[in-house]
Amino acid sequence: MTVERQAMLCGLGAVALWSTVATAFKVALAYMSPLELMCLAALVSWLLMGVLVYRDGGMTQALRQGWRTAAWAGLMNPAAYYLILFAAYDRLPGQEAMALNYTWALAMAFLAVPILGQRLTRTDILAGVIAYAGVWVIATRGAVMDVAFADPLGVACALASTLVWALYWLLNARDPRPPLIAQWQNFSIGLPVLILLLLWGPGIQWHGFMALGAGIYVGLFEMGVAFVLWQFAVQRISRTARVANLIFLSPPVSLLLLNLVVGEPILPSTLIGLVLILGGLALQQSQQAPDVAVDHS
């Protein structure tokens, strides 16, 4: 098998795993709070990343340098980002939270203007108008002339998570740390913060094996294996636009799984809004250079 084909298969594997996480979030949050889920998932991911870093011989480097960046990056991801994202999934139907979360790439384009000094093109602006029209359709559940959102706090959390995620990647644009080491160091900072919040708040509680399995799945696959597969694909593909475009396969599969596993009826407003969001993303990506790819989680 060629390296190119291996990279595409890894990209497909990552997208397949990301397609299941909206369902996993909803299943896990039916048993535990967002903070409890975050602590369990982050612990599992931290252990997995630590094993991988040690296996690759990078633990010495991980222990010696890079902690100044990790000190703030770990507070953004995993702590702030996933707590806000899980809060959105806790309040909204999974299909709505998932669709709104896909606007993070557009948020990155707009935030890159003040942070990196980049300029917006007319295509960027048009893509933003189209995608955020989709956000409006989803937030109002089709009642587009009504300014009363079905769940204002849930929508705010979903959109806030995209801002945190976009800021995280923009501020890390020049991070010299290898991705695996950076991920492990960030979780090494974020995990103790999350545990302290849990102990200070509801405390550690047992919610049954179903909750435990769902939390382990989120940490192992959404935050762990999918990240490794995606990094492998991006680093080894000849044209990263090919693997980046695979991300558009995830939302339809996510909707189907939410319907089949969680039992969520697919709302017409979600379908319309998602088409607008993905259309805006496709328009924005069509102008990117072929050697640029985006990460997603």
C-alpha atoms as a PDB file:
ATOM      1  CA  MET A   1       0.000   0.000   0.000  1.00  0.00           C
ATOM      2  CA  THR A   2       1.369   3.411  -0.981  1.00  0.00           C
ATOM      3  CA  VAL A   3       1.970   6.149   1.595  1.00  0.00           C
ATOM      4  CA  GLU A   4      -0.656   8.249  -0.196  1.00  0.00           C
ATOM      5  CA  ARG A   5      -3.281   5.562   0.231  1.00  0.00           C
ATOM      6  CA  GLN A   6      -2.323   5.010   3.856  1.00  0.00           C
ATOM      7  CA  ALA A   7      -2.767   8.716   4.493  1.00  0.00           C
ATOM      8  CA  MET A   8      -6.228   8.754   2.899  1.00  0.00           C
ATOM      9  CA  LEU A   9      -7.304   5.696   4.905  1.00  0.00           C
ATOM     10  CA  CYS A  10      -6.107   7.351   8.119  1.00  0.00           C
ATOM     11  CA  GLY A  11      -8.019  10.502   7.178  1.00  0.00           C
ATOM     12  CA  LEU A  12     -11.156   8.466   6.552  1.00  0.00           C
ATOM     13  CA  GLY A  13     -10.636   6.694   9.882  1.00  0.00           C
ATOM     14  CA  ALA A  14     -10.397   9.998  11.736  1.00  0.00           C
ATOM     15  CA  VAL A  15     -13.525  11.344  10.039  1.00  0.00           C
ATOM     16  CA  ALA A  16     -15.391   8.098  10.787  1.00  0.00           C
ATOM     17  CA  LEU A  17     -14.519   8.432  14.483  1.00  0.00           C
ATOM     18  CA  TRP A  18     -15.499  12.116  14.564  1.00  0.00           C
ATOM     19  CA  SER A  19     -18.828  11.136  13.026  1.00  0.00           C
ATOM     20  CA  THR A  20     -19.628   9.087  16.134  1.00  0.00           C
ATOM     21  CA  VAL A  21     -18.708  11.605  18.814  1.00  0.00           C
ATOM     22  CA  ALA A  22     -21.930  13.655  18.734  1.00  0.00           C
ATOM     23  CA  THR A  23     -23.782  10.458  19.552  1.00  0.00           C
ATOM     24  CA  ALA A  24     -21.219   9.513  22.210  1.00  0.00           C
ATOM     25  CA  PHE A  25     -21.547  12.972  23.786  1.00  0.00           C
ATOM     26  CA  LYS A  26     -25.328  12.680  24.042  1.00  0.00           C
ATOM     27  CA  VAL A  27     -25.178   9.140  25.432  1.00  0.00           C
ATOM     28  CA  ALA A  28     -22.564  10.080  28.053  1.00  0.00           C
ATOM     29  CA  LEU A  29     -24.313  13.310  29.056  1.00  0.00           C
ATOM     30  CA  ALA A  30     -27.491  11.374  29.730  1.00  0.00           C
ATOM     31  CA  TYR A  31     -25.654   9.843  32.703  1.00  0.00           C
ATOM     32  CA  MET A  32     -23.215  12.496  33.903  1.00  0.00           C
ATOM     33  CA  SER A  33     -22.575  16.230  33.922  1.00  0.00           C
ATOM     34  CA  PRO A  34     -20.340  17.961  31.351  1.00  0.00           C
ATOM     35  CA  LEU A  35     -17.616  18.387  33.989  1.00  0.00           C
ATOM     36  CA  GLU A  36     -17.680  14.699  34.956  1.00  0.00           C
ATOM     37  CA  LEU A  37     -17.526  13.638  31.314  1.00  0.00           C
ATOM     38  CA  MET A  38     -14.684  16.058  30.665  1.00  0.00           C
ATOM     39  CA  CYS A  39     -12.599  14.735  33.548  1.00  0.00           C
ATOM     40  CA  LEU A  40     -13.028  11.098  32.550  1.00  0.00           C
ATOM     41  CA  ALA A  41     -12.426  11.692  28.841  1.00  0.00           C
ATOM     42  CA  ALA A  42      -9.404  13.930  29.471  1.00  0.00           C
ATOM     43  CA  LEU A  43      -7.856  11.336  31.806  1.00  0.00           C
ATOM     44  CA  VAL A  44      -8.224   8.592  29.190  1.00  0.00           C
ATOM     45  CA  SER A  45      -6.800  10.804  26.441  1.00  0.00           C
ATOM     46  CA  TRP A  46      -3.890  11.929  28.648  1.00  0.00           C
ATOM     47  CA  LEU A  47      -2.962   8.313  29.393  1.00  0.00           C
ATOM     48  CA  LEU A  48      -3.164   7.352  25.707  1.00  0.00           C
ATOM     49  CA  MET A  49      -1.061  10.310  24.582  1.00  0.00           C
ATOM     50  CA  GLY A  50       1.484   9.622  27.305  1.00  0.00           C
ATOM     51  CA  VAL A  51       1.899   6.032  26.128  1.00  0.00           C
ATOM     52  CA  LEU A  52       2.331   7.180  22.516  1.00  0.00           C
ATOM     53  CA  VAL A  53       4.863   9.880  23.440  1.00  0.00           C
ATOM     54  CA  TYR A  54       6.852   7.366  25.519  1.00  0.00           C
ATOM     55  CA  ARG A  55       6.746   4.776  22.713  1.00  0.00           C
ATOM     56  CA  ASP A  56       8.073   7.310  20.226  1.00  0.00           C
ATOM     57  CA  GLY A  57      10.932   8.245  22.553  1.00  0.00           C
ATOM     58  CA  GLY A  58       9.692  11.795  23.122  1.00  0.00           C
ATOM     59  CA  MET A  59       9.055  11.703  26.855  1.00  0.00           C
ATOM     60  CA  THR A  60      12.431  13.244  27.731  1.00  0.00           C
ATOM     61  CA  GLN A  61      11.735  16.202  25.454  1.00  0.00           C
ATOM     62  CA  ALA A  62       8.164  16.420  26.760  1.00  0.00           C
ATOM     63  CA  LEU A  63       9.347  16.674  30.364  1.00  0.00           C
ATOM     64  CA  ARG A  64      12.086  19.232  29.700  1.00  0.00           C
ATOM     65  CA  GLN A  65      10.641  21.908  27.429  1.00  0.00           C
ATOM     66  CA  GLY A  66       7.433  23.392  26.092  1.00  0.00           C
ATOM     67  CA  TRP A  67       5.666  23.891  29.416  1.00  0.00           C
ATOM     68  CA  ARG A  68       5.477  27.668  29.125  1.00  0.00           C
ATOM     69  CA  THR A  69       3.222  27.295  26.097  1.00  0.00           C
ATOM     70  CA  ALA A  70       1.346  24.394  27.672  1.00  0.00           C
ATOM     71  CA  ALA A  71       0.574  26.525  30.749  1.00  0.00           C
ATOM     72  CA  TRP A  72      -1.976  28.598  28.814  1.00  0.00           C
ATOM     73  CA  ALA A  73      -2.728  26.251  25.921  1.00  0.00           C
ATOM     74  CA  GLY A  74      -3.885  23.504  28.298  1.00  0.00           C
ATOM     75  CA  LEU A  75      -6.382  25.876  29.894  1.00  0.00           C
ATOM     76  CA  MET A  76      -7.882  26.498  26.447  1.00  0.00           C
ATOM     77  CA  ASN A  77      -7.747  22.884  25.257  1.00  0.00           C
ATOM     78  CA  PRO A  78      -8.898  20.662  26.866  1.00  0.00           C
ATOM     79  CA  ALA A  79     -10.282  22.684  29.799  1.00  0.00           C
ATOM     80  CA  ALA A  80     -12.242  25.631  28.387  1.00  0.00           C
ATOM     81  CA  TYR A  81     -13.073  24.284  24.922  1.00  0.00           C
ATOM     82  CA  TYR A  82     -14.520  20.929  25.905  1.00  0.00           C
ATOM     83  CA  LEU A  83     -16.337  22.234  28.979  1.00  0.00           C
ATOM     84  CA  ILE A  84     -18.144  24.808  26.839  1.00  0.00           C
ATOM     85  CA  LEU A  85     -18.737  22.305  24.035  1.00  0.00           C
ATOM     86  CA  PHE A  86     -20.139  19.670  26.404  1.00  0.00           C
ATOM     87  CA  ALA A  87     -22.369  22.312  27.985  1.00  0.00           C
ATOM     88  CA  ALA A  88     -23.761  23.021  24.503  1.00  0.00           C
ATOM     89  CA  TYR A  89     -24.395  19.322  23.881  1.00  0.00           C
ATOM     90  CA  ASP A  90     -26.037  19.067  27.308  1.00  0.00           C
ATOM     91  CA  ARG A  91     -28.573  21.785  26.430  1.00  0.00           C
ATOM     92  CA  LEU A  92     -29.119  21.341  22.680  1.00  0.00           C
ATOM     93  CA  PRO A  93     -30.097  18.406  20.489  1.00  0.00           C
ATOM     94  CA  GLY A  94     -26.888  16.749  19.335  1.00  0.00           C
ATOM     95  CA  GLN A  95     -27.599  17.607  15.703  1.00  0.00           C
ATOM     96  CA  GLU A  96     -27.782  21.337  16.483  1.00  0.00           C
ATOM     97  CA  ALA A  97     -24.653  21.431  18.648  1.00  0.00           C
ATOM     98  CA  MET A  98     -22.746  19.425  16.038  1.00  0.00           C
ATOM     99  CA  ALA A  99     -23.804  21.671  13.162  1.00  0.00           C
ATOM    100  CA  LEU A 100     -23.052  24.907  15.012  1.00  0.00           C
ATOM    101  CA  ASN A 101     -19.625  23.583  16.007  1.00  0.00           C
ATOM    102  CA  TYR A 102     -18.651  23.336  12.333  1.00  0.00           C
ATOM    103  CA  THR A 103     -18.475  27.134  12.079  1.00  0.00           C
ATOM    104  CA  TRP A 104     -15.130  27.134  13.934  1.00  0.00           C
ATOM    105  CA  ALA A 105     -13.200  27.307  10.644  1.00  0.00           C
ATOM    106  CA  LEU A 106     -15.039  30.508   9.708  1.00  0.00           C
ATOM    107  CA  ALA A 107     -14.427  31.929  13.170  1.00  0.00           C
ATOM    108  CA  MET A 108     -10.734  31.234  12.613  1.00  0.00           C
ATOM    109  CA  ALA A 109     -10.729  33.156   9.324  1.00  0.00           C
ATOM    110  CA  PHE A 110     -12.297  36.217  10.946  1.00  0.00           C
ATOM    111  CA  LEU A 111     -10.138  36.108  14.096  1.00  0.00           C
ATOM    112  CA  ALA A 112      -6.985  35.773  11.971  1.00  0.00           C
ATOM    113  CA  VAL A 113      -7.476  39.401  10.908  1.00  0.00           C
ATOM    114  CA  PRO A 114      -6.689  41.028  14.286  1.00  0.00           C
ATOM    115  CA  ILE A 115      -4.440  38.214  15.598  1.00  0.00           C
ATOM    116  CA  LEU A 116      -2.260  37.362  12.583  1.00  0.00           C
ATOM    117  CA  GLY A 117      -2.785  40.521  10.549  1.00  0.00           C
ATOM    118  CA  GLN A 118      -4.391  38.656   7.670  1.00  0.00           C
ATOM    119  CA  ARG A 119      -6.924  40.205   5.328  1.00  0.00           C
ATOM    120  CA  LEU A 120     -10.434  39.031   4.597  1.00  0.00           C
ATOM    121  CA  THR A 121     -11.325  38.438   0.972  1.00  0.00           C
ATOM    122  CA  ARG A 122     -14.768  38.937  -0.530  1.00  0.00           C
ATOM    123  CA  THR A 123     -15.055  35.167  -0.631  1.00  0.00           C
ATOM    124  CA  ASP A 124     -14.383  34.968   3.120  1.00  0.00           C
ATOM    125  CA  ILE A 125     -17.132  37.502   3.792  1.00  0.00           C
ATOM    126  CA  LEU A 126     -19.616  35.768   1.483  1.00  0.00           C
ATOM    127  CA  ALA A 127     -18.786  32.390   3.026  1.00  0.00           C
ATOM    128  CA  GLY A 128     -19.378  33.841   6.485  1.00  0.00           C
ATOM    129  CA  VAL A 129     -22.731  35.319   5.505  1.00  0.00           C
ATOM    130  CA  ILE A 130     -23.888  31.991   4.042  1.00  0.00           C
ATOM    131  CA  ALA A 131     -22.665  29.874   6.974  1.00  0.00           C
ATOM    132  CA  TYR A 132     -23.988  32.152   9.707  1.00  0.00           C
ATOM    133  CA  ALA A 133     -27.324  32.292   7.914  1.00  0.00           C
ATOM    134  CA  GLY A 134     -27.304  28.542   8.547  1.00  0.00           C
ATOM    135  CA  VAL A 135     -26.522  29.210  12.218  1.00  0.00           C
ATOM    136  CA  TRP A 136     -29.563  31.498  12.395  1.00  0.00           C
ATOM    137  CA  VAL A 137     -31.810  28.854  10.824  1.00  0.00           C
ATOM    138  CA  ILE A 138     -30.636  26.236  13.327  1.00  0.00           C
ATOM    139  CA  ALA A 139     -30.774  28.556  16.343  1.00  0.00           C
ATOM    140  CA  THR A 140     -34.355  29.628  15.571  1.00  0.00           C
ATOM    141  CA  ARG A 141     -35.321  26.086  14.480  1.00  0.00           C
ATOM    142  CA  GLY A 142     -36.673  27.416  11.219  1.00  0.00           C
ATOM    143  CA  ALA A 143     -38.531  30.437  12.592  1.00  0.00           C
ATOM    144  CA  VAL A 144     -36.042  32.780  10.927  1.00  0.00           C
ATOM    145  CA  MET A 145     -38.149  35.918  11.468  1.00  0.00           C
ATOM    146  CA  ASP A 146     -38.332  35.239  15.216  1.00  0.00           C
ATOM    147  CA  VAL A 147     -35.431  36.611  17.275  1.00  0.00           C
ATOM    148  CA  ALA A 148     -36.291  34.324  20.212  1.00  0.00           C
ATOM    149  CA  PHE A 149     -33.865  31.387  20.083  1.00  0.00           C
ATOM    150  CA  ALA A 150     -35.123  27.994  21.234  1.00  0.00           C
ATOM    151  CA  ASP A 151     -32.220  27.747  23.727  1.00  0.00           C
ATOM    152  CA  PRO A 152     -30.151  30.955  23.779  1.00  0.00           C
ATOM    153  CA  LEU A 153     -27.603  29.664  26.325  1.00  0.00           C
ATOM    154  CA  GLY A 154     -27.069  26.425  24.434  1.00  0.00           C
ATOM    155  CA  VAL A 155     -26.536  28.297  21.164  1.00  0.00           C
ATOM    156  CA  ALA A 156     -24.193  30.743  22.913  1.00  0.00           C
ATOM    157  CA  CYS A 157     -22.140  27.854  24.315  1.00  0.00           C
ATOM    158  CA  ALA A 158     -21.905  26.176  20.901  1.00  0.00           C
ATOM    159  CA  LEU A 159     -20.734  29.381  19.214  1.00  0.00           C
ATOM    160  CA  ALA A 160     -18.404  30.261  22.116  1.00  0.00           C
ATOM    161  CA  SER A 161     -16.729  26.864  21.737  1.00  0.00           C
ATOM    162  CA  THR A 162     -15.927  27.687  18.108  1.00  0.00           C
ATOM    163  CA  LEU A 163     -14.274  30.944  19.193  1.00  0.00           C
ATOM    164  CA  VAL A 164     -12.155  29.178  21.830  1.00  0.00           C
ATOM    165  CA  TRP A 165     -11.146  26.455  19.351  1.00  0.00           C
ATOM    166  CA  ALA A 166     -10.271  28.976  16.635  1.00  0.00           C
ATOM    167  CA  LEU A 167      -8.282  31.107  19.082  1.00  0.00           C
ATOM    168  CA  TYR A 168      -6.443  28.021  20.301  1.00  0.00           C
ATOM    169  CA  TRP A 169      -5.211  27.115  16.814  1.00  0.00           C
ATOM    170  CA  LEU A 170      -4.385  30.706  15.860  1.00  0.00           C
ATOM    171  CA  LEU A 171      -2.357  31.306  19.017  1.00  0.00           C
ATOM    172  CA  ASN A 172      -0.592  27.975  18.441  1.00  0.00           C
ATOM    173  CA  ALA A 173       0.174  28.727  14.786  1.00  0.00           C
ATOM    174  CA  ARG A 174       3.888  29.058  15.561  1.00  0.00           C
ATOM    175  CA  ASP A 175       4.067  26.409  18.281  1.00  0.00           C
ATOM    176  CA  PRO A 176       7.328  24.492  17.654  1.00  0.00           C
ATOM    177  CA  ARG A 177       6.302  21.488  19.770  1.00  0.00           C
ATOM    178  CA  PRO A 178       5.599  18.175  17.988  1.00  0.00           C
ATOM    179  CA  PRO A 179       1.799  17.641  17.913  1.00  0.00           C
ATOM    180  CA  LEU A 180       1.736  14.541  20.119  1.00  0.00           C
ATOM    181  CA  ILE A 181       3.969  16.108  22.763  1.00  0.00           C
ATOM    182  CA  ALA A 182       1.954  19.331  22.652  1.00  0.00           C
ATOM    183  CA  GLN A 183      -1.298  17.429  23.112  1.00  0.00           C
ATOM    184  CA  TRP A 184       0.053  15.457  26.081  1.00  0.00           C
ATOM    185  CA  GLN A 185       1.536  18.548  27.740  1.00  0.00           C
ATOM    186  CA  ASN A 186      -1.682  20.522  27.268  1.00  0.00           C
ATOM    187  CA  PHE A 187      -3.719  17.741  28.844  1.00  0.00           C
ATOM    188  CA  SER A 188      -1.153  17.520  31.655  1.00  0.00           C
ATOM    189  CA  ILE A 189      -2.043  21.128  32.506  1.00  0.00           C
ATOM    190  CA  GLY A 190      -5.781  20.979  31.823  1.00  0.00           C
ATOM    191  CA  LEU A 191      -6.534  17.688  33.574  1.00  0.00           C
ATOM    192  CA  PRO A 192      -5.559  18.768  37.139  1.00  0.00           C
ATOM    193  CA  VAL A 193      -7.641  21.939  36.704  1.00  0.00           C
ATOM    194  CA  LEU A 194     -10.663  19.885  35.659  1.00  0.00           C
ATOM    195  CA  ILE A 195     -10.198  17.446  38.560  1.00  0.00           C
ATOM    196  CA  LEU A 196      -9.993  20.316  41.060  1.00  0.00           C
ATOM    197  CA  LEU A 197     -13.201  21.798  39.636  1.00  0.00           C
ATOM    198  CA  LEU A 198     -14.883  18.400  39.926  1.00  0.00           C
ATOM    199  CA  LEU A 199     -13.775  17.902  43.531  1.00  0.00           C
ATOM    200  CA  TRP A 200     -14.788  21.458  44.411  1.00  0.00           C
ATOM    201  CA  GLY A 201     -18.192  20.969  42.766  1.00  0.00           C
ATOM    202  CA  PRO A 202     -20.213  17.746  42.512  1.00  0.00           C
ATOM    203  CA  GLY A 203     -17.373  15.426  43.493  1.00  0.00           C
ATOM    204  CA  ILE A 204     -16.615  11.981  42.099  1.00  0.00           C
ATOM    205  CA  GLN A 205     -19.735   9.860  41.646  1.00  0.00           C
ATOM    206  CA  TRP A 206     -20.431   6.444  40.139  1.00  0.00           C
ATOM    207  CA  HIS A 207     -22.963   6.509  37.294  1.00  0.00           C
ATOM    208  CA  GLY A 208     -22.723   2.918  36.063  1.00  0.00           C
ATOM    209  CA  PHE A 209     -20.792   1.053  33.416  1.00  0.00           C
ATOM    210  CA  MET A 210     -22.697   2.627  30.508  1.00  0.00           C
ATOM    211  CA  ALA A 211     -21.543   6.097  31.589  1.00  0.00           C
ATOM    212  CA  LEU A 212     -18.000   4.819  32.157  1.00  0.00           C
ATOM    213  CA  GLY A 213     -17.877   3.247  28.697  1.00  0.00           C
ATOM    214  CA  ALA A 214     -19.219   6.366  26.984  1.00  0.00           C
ATOM    215  CA  GLY A 215     -16.681   8.577  28.755  1.00  0.00           C
ATOM    216  CA  ILE A 216     -13.812   6.244  27.875  1.00  0.00           C
ATOM    217  CA  TYR A 217     -14.971   6.182  24.251  1.00  0.00           C
ATOM    218  CA  VAL A 218     -14.971   9.993  24.062  1.00  0.00           C
ATOM    219  CA  GLY A 219     -11.464  10.254  25.541  1.00  0.00           C
ATOM    220  CA  LEU A 220     -10.031   7.377  23.556  1.00  0.00           C
ATOM    221  CA  PHE A 221     -11.413   8.196  20.134  1.00  0.00           C
ATOM    222  CA  GLU A 222     -12.571  11.835  19.938  1.00  0.00           C
ATOM    223  CA  MET A 223      -9.567  13.258  21.770  1.00  0.00           C
ATOM    224  CA  GLY A 224      -7.060  10.471  21.159  1.00  0.00           C
ATOM    225  CA  VAL A 225      -7.046   8.028  18.245  1.00  0.00           C
ATOM    226  CA  ALA A 226      -8.784  10.398  15.822  1.00  0.00           C
ATOM    227  CA  PHE A 227      -6.159  13.067  16.561  1.00  0.00           C
ATOM    228  CA  VAL A 228      -3.325  10.629  15.835  1.00  0.00           C
ATOM    229  CA  LEU A 229      -4.923   9.392  12.603  1.00  0.00           C
ATOM    230  CA  TRP A 230      -5.565  12.934  11.387  1.00  0.00           C
ATOM    231  CA  GLN A 231      -1.999  14.043  12.113  1.00  0.00           C
ATOM    232  CA  PHE A 232      -0.650  10.995  10.235  1.00  0.00           C
ATOM    233  CA  ALA A 233      -2.869  11.790   7.253  1.00  0.00           C
ATOM    234  CA  VAL A 234      -1.980  15.488   7.117  1.00  0.00           C
ATOM    235  CA  GLN A 235       1.748  14.864   7.463  1.00  0.00           C
ATOM    236  CA  ARG A 236       1.960  12.187   4.753  1.00  0.00           C
ATOM    237  CA  ILE A 237      -0.518  13.244   2.064  1.00  0.00           C
ATOM    238  CA  SER A 238       0.952  14.989  -0.990  1.00  0.00           C
ATOM    239  CA  ARG A 239      -1.916  17.493  -1.265  1.00  0.00           C
ATOM    240  CA  THR A 240      -3.486  18.156   2.116  1.00  0.00           C
ATOM    241  CA  ALA A 241      -6.603  19.659   0.518  1.00  0.00           C
ATOM    242  CA  ARG A 242      -7.548  16.087  -0.429  1.00  0.00           C
ATOM    243  CA  VAL A 243      -7.644  14.906   3.164  1.00  0.00           C
ATOM    244  CA  ALA A 244      -9.107  18.196   4.446  1.00  0.00           C
ATOM    245  CA  ASN A 245     -12.129  17.761   2.187  1.00  0.00           C
ATOM    246  CA  LEU A 246     -12.926  14.455   3.909  1.00  0.00           C
ATOM    247  CA  ILE A 247     -14.276  16.422   6.867  1.00  0.00           C
ATOM    248  CA  PHE A 248     -17.427  17.193   4.857  1.00  0.00           C
ATOM    249  CA  LEU A 249     -18.368  13.498   5.093  1.00  0.00           C
ATOM    250  CA  SER A 250     -18.757  13.693   8.870  1.00  0.00           C
ATOM    251  CA  PRO A 251     -21.967  15.752   9.411  1.00  0.00           C
ATOM    252  CA  PRO A 252     -24.357  13.540   7.393  1.00  0.00           C
ATOM    253  CA  VAL A 253     -23.067  10.409   9.160  1.00  0.00           C
ATOM    254  CA  SER A 254     -23.358  12.178  12.529  1.00  0.00           C
ATOM    255  CA  LEU A 255     -26.992  13.057  11.832  1.00  0.00           C
ATOM    256  CA  LEU A 256     -27.779   9.478  10.856  1.00  0.00           C
ATOM    257  CA  LEU A 257     -26.166   8.049  14.003  1.00  0.00           C
ATOM    258  CA  LEU A 258     -27.947  10.554  16.251  1.00  0.00           C
ATOM    259  CA  ASN A 259     -31.208   9.464  14.690  1.00  0.00           C
ATOM    260  CA  LEU A 260     -30.538   5.723  14.903  1.00  0.00           C
ATOM    261  CA  VAL A 261     -28.787   5.514  18.296  1.00  0.00           C
ATOM    262  CA  VAL A 262     -30.079   8.468  20.324  1.00  0.00           C
ATOM    263  CA  GLY A 263     -33.462   8.614  18.592  1.00  0.00           C
ATOM    264  CA  GLU A 264     -33.279  12.298  17.685  1.00  0.00           C
ATOM    265  CA  PRO A 265     -35.674  13.163  14.866  1.00  0.00           C
ATOM    266  CA  ILE A 266     -33.753  15.075  12.204  1.00  0.00           C
ATOM    267  CA  LEU A 267     -35.223  18.568  12.130  1.00  0.00           C
ATOM    268  CA  PRO A 268     -35.733  20.218   8.720  1.00  0.00           C
ATOM    269  CA  SER A 269     -34.157  23.387  10.158  1.00  0.00           C
ATOM    270  CA  THR A 270     -31.007  21.417  11.022  1.00  0.00           C
ATOM    271  CA  LEU A 271     -30.738  20.037   7.486  1.00  0.00           C
ATOM    272  CA  ILE A 272     -31.206  23.466   5.898  1.00  0.00           C
ATOM    273  CA  GLY A 273     -28.822  25.143   8.333  1.00  0.00           C
ATOM    274  CA  LEU A 274     -26.203  22.431   7.919  1.00  0.00           C
ATOM    275  CA  VAL A 275     -26.333  22.725   4.130  1.00  0.00           C
ATOM    276  CA  LEU A 276     -25.740  26.484   4.452  1.00  0.00           C
ATOM    277  CA  ILE A 277     -22.879  26.010   6.935  1.00  0.00           C
ATOM    278  CA  LEU A 278     -21.147  23.367   4.838  1.00  0.00           C
ATOM    279  CA  GLY A 279     -21.731  25.453   1.714  1.00  0.00           C
ATOM    280  CA  GLY A 280     -20.017  28.414   3.362  1.00  0.00           C
ATOM    281  CA  LEU A 281     -17.124  26.223   4.484  1.00  0.00           C
ATOM    282  CA  ALA A 282     -16.744  24.728   1.005  1.00  0.00           C
ATOM    283  CA  LEU A 283     -16.721  28.206  -0.527  1.00  0.00           C
ATOM    284  CA  GLN A 284     -14.088  29.384   1.936  1.00  0.00           C
ATOM    285  CA  GLN A 285     -11.908  26.319   1.417  1.00  0.00           C
ATOM    286  CA  SER A 286     -12.112  26.582  -2.364  1.00  0.00           C
ATOM    287  CA  GLN A 287      -9.825  29.618  -2.254  1.00  0.00           C
ATOM    288  CA  GLN A 288      -7.227  28.076   0.074  1.00  0.00           C
ATOM    289  CA  ALA A 289      -3.865  27.021  -1.217  1.00  0.00           C
ATOM    290  CA  PRO A 290      -3.661  23.275  -1.882  1.00  0.00           C
ATOM    291  CA  ASP A 291      -1.025  22.741   0.808  1.00  0.00           C
ATOM    292  CA  VAL A 292      -3.183  24.029   3.661  1.00  0.00           C
ATOM    293  CA  ALA A 293      -5.254  21.705   5.802  1.00  0.00           C
ATOM    294  CA  VAL A 294      -7.308  22.293   8.898  1.00  0.00           C
ATOM    295  CA  ASP A 295      -7.454  20.175  12.022  1.00  0.00           C
ATOM    296  CA  HIS A 296     -10.814  19.316  13.555  1.00  0.00           C
ATOM    297  CA  SER A 297     -12.038  17.919  16.893  1.00  0.00           C
END
